[in-house]
């Protein structure tokens, strides 16, 4: 980060802009500008604010923004990454192996198993459905009997048989 600060300070002095003027134009305080040009990262509590400030200052000074942001991102990675990549890869392999073993031998306790709720048929619905089925069957049987009697020309309900002629 000190390299970025040096680039900023040299460019600002090369252009001939005073630090106070740059701070006013950037809408930041003088201590923030001084810490940025000194490369003092610890003075900034928020890394996202610092990143935005670096980008805006690079644009303000007409410095290659992409190059500066690439340097800044490399710095942030080095600054925040305390674990070597080889260690991370080894840990990932261990976790994957452990997950594979666990999926092969699933042991479950009745106390930790997820309970599956069985569907319960309420008796009132069962009685209703049964009644509808019985009514339909009764209707079908009565229709069949009446049709059979009609075919045999049997009249139910009266002793008189009326025949109509033309």
Protein backbone atom coordinates (compact mmCIF):
# COMPACT_ATOMS: atom_id res chain seq x y z
CA UNK A 1 0.00 0.00 0.00
CA UNK A 2 2.97 2.27 0.56
CA UNK A 3 3.79 1.97 -3.15
CA UNK A 4 0.31 3.18 -4.09
CA UNK A 5 0.62 6.07 -1.63
CA UNK A 6 3.98 7.08 -3.10
CA UNK A 7 2.52 7.00 -6.64
CA UNK A 8 -0.37 9.22 -5.50
CA UNK A 9 1.86 11.72 -3.68
CA UNK A 10 4.35 11.99 -6.56
CA UNK A 11 1.57 12.45 -9.13
CA UNK A 12 -0.17 15.10 -6.99
CA UNK A 13 3.10 17.03 -6.56
CA UNK A 14 3.93 16.60 -10.27
CA UNK A 15 0.61 18.17 -11.24
CA UNK A 16 1.10 20.92 -8.67
CA UNK A 17 -1.97 20.33 -6.53
CA UNK A 18 -1.67 21.12 -2.82
CA UNK A 19 -2.75 18.43 -0.35
CA UNK A 20 -5.41 20.74 1.14
CA UNK A 21 -6.89 21.38 -2.31
CA UNK A 22 -6.98 17.65 -3.13
CA UNK A 23 -8.64 16.84 0.21
CA UNK A 24 -11.27 19.55 -0.41
CA UNK A 25 -11.91 18.35 -3.98
CA UNK A 26 -12.17 14.71 -2.83
CA UNK A 27 -14.41 15.73 0.09
CA UNK A 28 -12.19 13.99 2.65
CA UNK A 29 -10.21 15.21 5.65
CA UNK A 30 -6.52 16.09 5.55
CA UNK A 31 -5.58 13.21 7.89
CA UNK A 32 -7.35 10.78 5.54
CA UNK A 33 -5.41 12.12 2.55
CA UNK A 34 -2.11 12.05 4.46
CA UNK A 35 -2.72 8.46 5.62
CA UNK A 36 -3.64 7.43 2.08
CA UNK A 37 -0.45 8.95 0.63
CA UNK A 38 1.63 7.46 3.47
CA UNK A 39 0.09 4.02 2.86
CA UNK A 40 -1.18 3.80 6.42
CA UNK A 41 -3.95 1.20 6.08
CA UNK A 42 -4.53 0.93 9.82
CA UNK A 43 -5.88 4.49 9.87
CA UNK A 44 -8.90 3.30 7.89
CA UNK A 45 -11.45 1.17 9.71
CA UNK A 46 -13.37 0.11 6.61
CA UNK A 47 -11.51 -1.61 3.77
CA UNK A 48 -14.40 -0.86 1.37
CA UNK A 49 -14.14 2.86 2.12
CA UNK A 50 -10.39 2.66 1.51
CA UNK A 51 -10.89 0.83 -1.79
CA UNK A 52 -13.40 3.43 -2.96
CA UNK A 53 -11.06 6.21 -1.87
CA UNK A 54 -8.13 4.69 -3.78
CA UNK A 55 -10.27 4.39 -6.93
CA UNK A 56 -11.56 7.97 -6.69
CA UNK A 57 -8.09 9.38 -5.98
CA UNK A 58 -6.63 7.49 -8.95
CA UNK A 59 -9.31 8.97 -11.20
CA UNK A 60 -8.80 12.42 -9.65
CA UNK A 61 -5.05 12.34 -10.32
CA UNK A 62 -5.52 10.73 -13.75
CA UNK A 63 -3.43 7.70 -12.76
CA UNK A 64 -4.01 4.33 -14.46
CA UNK A 65 -7.02 3.21 -12.39
CA UNK A 66 -6.88 -0.45 -13.45
CA UNK A 67 -3.20 -0.77 -12.53
CA UNK A 68 -3.73 0.92 -9.16
CA UNK A 69 -6.79 -1.22 -8.35
CA UNK A 70 -4.91 -4.37 -9.30
CA UNK A 71 -2.06 -3.39 -6.96
CA UNK A 72 -4.57 -2.54 -4.23
CA UNK A 73 -6.38 -5.87 -4.61
CA UNK A 74 -3.06 -7.73 -4.44
CA UNK A 75 -2.18 -5.80 -1.30
CA UNK A 76 -5.54 -6.55 0.30
CA UNK A 77 -5.18 -10.24 -0.53
CA UNK A 78 -1.69 -10.38 0.97
CA UNK A 79 -2.76 -8.26 3.95
CA UNK A 80 -5.85 -10.30 4.80
CA UNK A 81 -4.65 -13.75 3.79
CA UNK A 82 -2.75 -15.24 6.71
CA UNK A 83 -3.32 -18.90 5.76
CA UNK A 84 -1.14 -20.37 3.02
CA UNK A 85 -3.00 -21.66 -0.03
CA UNK A 86 -1.54 -25.17 0.39
CA UNK A 87 -3.05 -25.38 3.89
CA UNK A 88 -6.46 -24.28 2.60
CA UNK A 89 -6.37 -26.89 -0.19
CA UNK A 90 -5.38 -29.61 2.31
CA UNK A 91 -8.24 -28.66 4.64
CA UNK A 92 -10.73 -28.71 1.75
CA UNK A 93 -9.60 -32.23 0.82
CA UNK A 94 -10.00 -33.37 4.43
CA UNK A 95 -13.51 -31.95 4.64
CA UNK A 96 -14.53 -33.56 1.33
CA UNK A 97 -13.16 -36.92 2.50
CA UNK A 98 -15.01 -36.61 5.81
CA UNK A 99 -18.27 -35.75 4.02
CA UNK A 100 -17.85 -38.77 1.74
CA UNK A 101 -17.39 -41.08 4.74
CA UNK A 102 -20.41 -39.61 6.52
CA UNK A 103 -22.65 -40.05 3.50
CA UNK A 104 -21.62 -43.72 3.20
CA UNK A 105 -22.51 -44.65 6.75
CA UNK A 106 -25.54 -42.76 7.88
CA UNK A 107 -26.43 -43.65 11.42
CA UNK A 108 -29.52 -42.12 12.82
CA UNK A 109 -30.98 -42.14 16.26
CA UNK A 110 -34.71 -42.11 16.89
CA UNK A 111 -34.06 -38.95 18.89
CA UNK A 112 -32.29 -37.07 16.10
CA UNK A 113 -34.17 -38.37 13.08
CA UNK A 114 -36.56 -36.05 11.38
CA UNK A 115 -40.07 -37.11 12.12
CA UNK A 116 -42.23 -37.72 9.10
CA UNK A 117 -45.79 -36.76 9.73
CA UNK A 118 -48.19 -39.35 8.42
CA UNK A 119 -51.35 -38.21 6.76
CA UNK A 120 -54.34 -38.77 8.98
CA UNK A 121 -57.73 -39.33 7.41
CA UNK A 122 -60.36 -37.78 9.61
CA UNK A 123 -63.31 -40.11 10.30
CA UNK A 124 -65.88 -37.56 9.13
CA UNK A 125 -64.31 -37.48 5.65
CA UNK A 126 -64.24 -41.26 5.55
CA UNK A 127 -67.95 -41.46 6.49
CA UNK A 128 -68.84 -38.81 3.89
CA UNK A 129 -66.98 -40.60 1.09
CA UNK A 130 -68.47 -43.94 2.10
CA UNK A 131 -72.00 -42.45 2.09
CA UNK A 132 -71.51 -41.00 -1.41
CA UNK A 133 -70.25 -44.35 -2.70
CA UNK A 134 -73.20 -46.23 -1.16
CA UNK A 135 -75.73 -43.77 -2.63
CA UNK A 136 -74.15 -44.14 -6.08
CA UNK A 137 -74.18 -47.95 -5.87
CA UNK A 138 -77.80 -47.92 -4.68
CA UNK A 139 -78.81 -45.62 -7.53
CA UNK A 140 -77.06 -47.86 -10.09
CA UNK A 141 -78.73 -51.03 -8.71
CA UNK A 142 -82.20 -49.45 -8.62
CA UNK A 143 -81.75 -48.26 -12.23
CA UNK A 144 -80.66 -51.72 -13.33
CA UNK A 145 -83.69 -53.35 -11.64
CA UNK A 146 -86.12 -50.85 -13.14
CA UNK A 147 -84.65 -51.33 -16.61
CA UNK A 148 -84.93 -55.12 -16.26
CA UNK A 149 -88.57 -54.83 -15.18
CA UNK A 150 -89.33 -52.54 -18.11
CA UNK A 151 -87.86 -55.07 -20.50
CA UNK A 152 -90.07 -57.80 -19.06
CA UNK A 153 -93.05 -55.46 -19.21
CA UNK A 154 -93.82 -55.71 -15.51
CA UNK A 155 -95.64 -52.81 -13.98
CA UNK A 156 -94.90 -52.10 -10.37
CA UNK A 157 -97.32 -50.21 -8.17
CA UNK A 158 -100.64 -50.92 -9.86
CA UNK A 159 -102.78 -53.89 -10.79
CA UNK A 160 -104.06 -52.18 -13.89
CA UNK A 161 -102.15 -52.24 -17.11
CA UNK A 162 -103.12 -49.61 -19.59
CA UNK A 163 -102.53 -50.11 -23.22
CA UNK A 164 -102.86 -47.24 -25.57
CA UNK A 165 -103.84 -47.85 -29.12
CA UNK A 166 -104.33 -45.61 -32.03
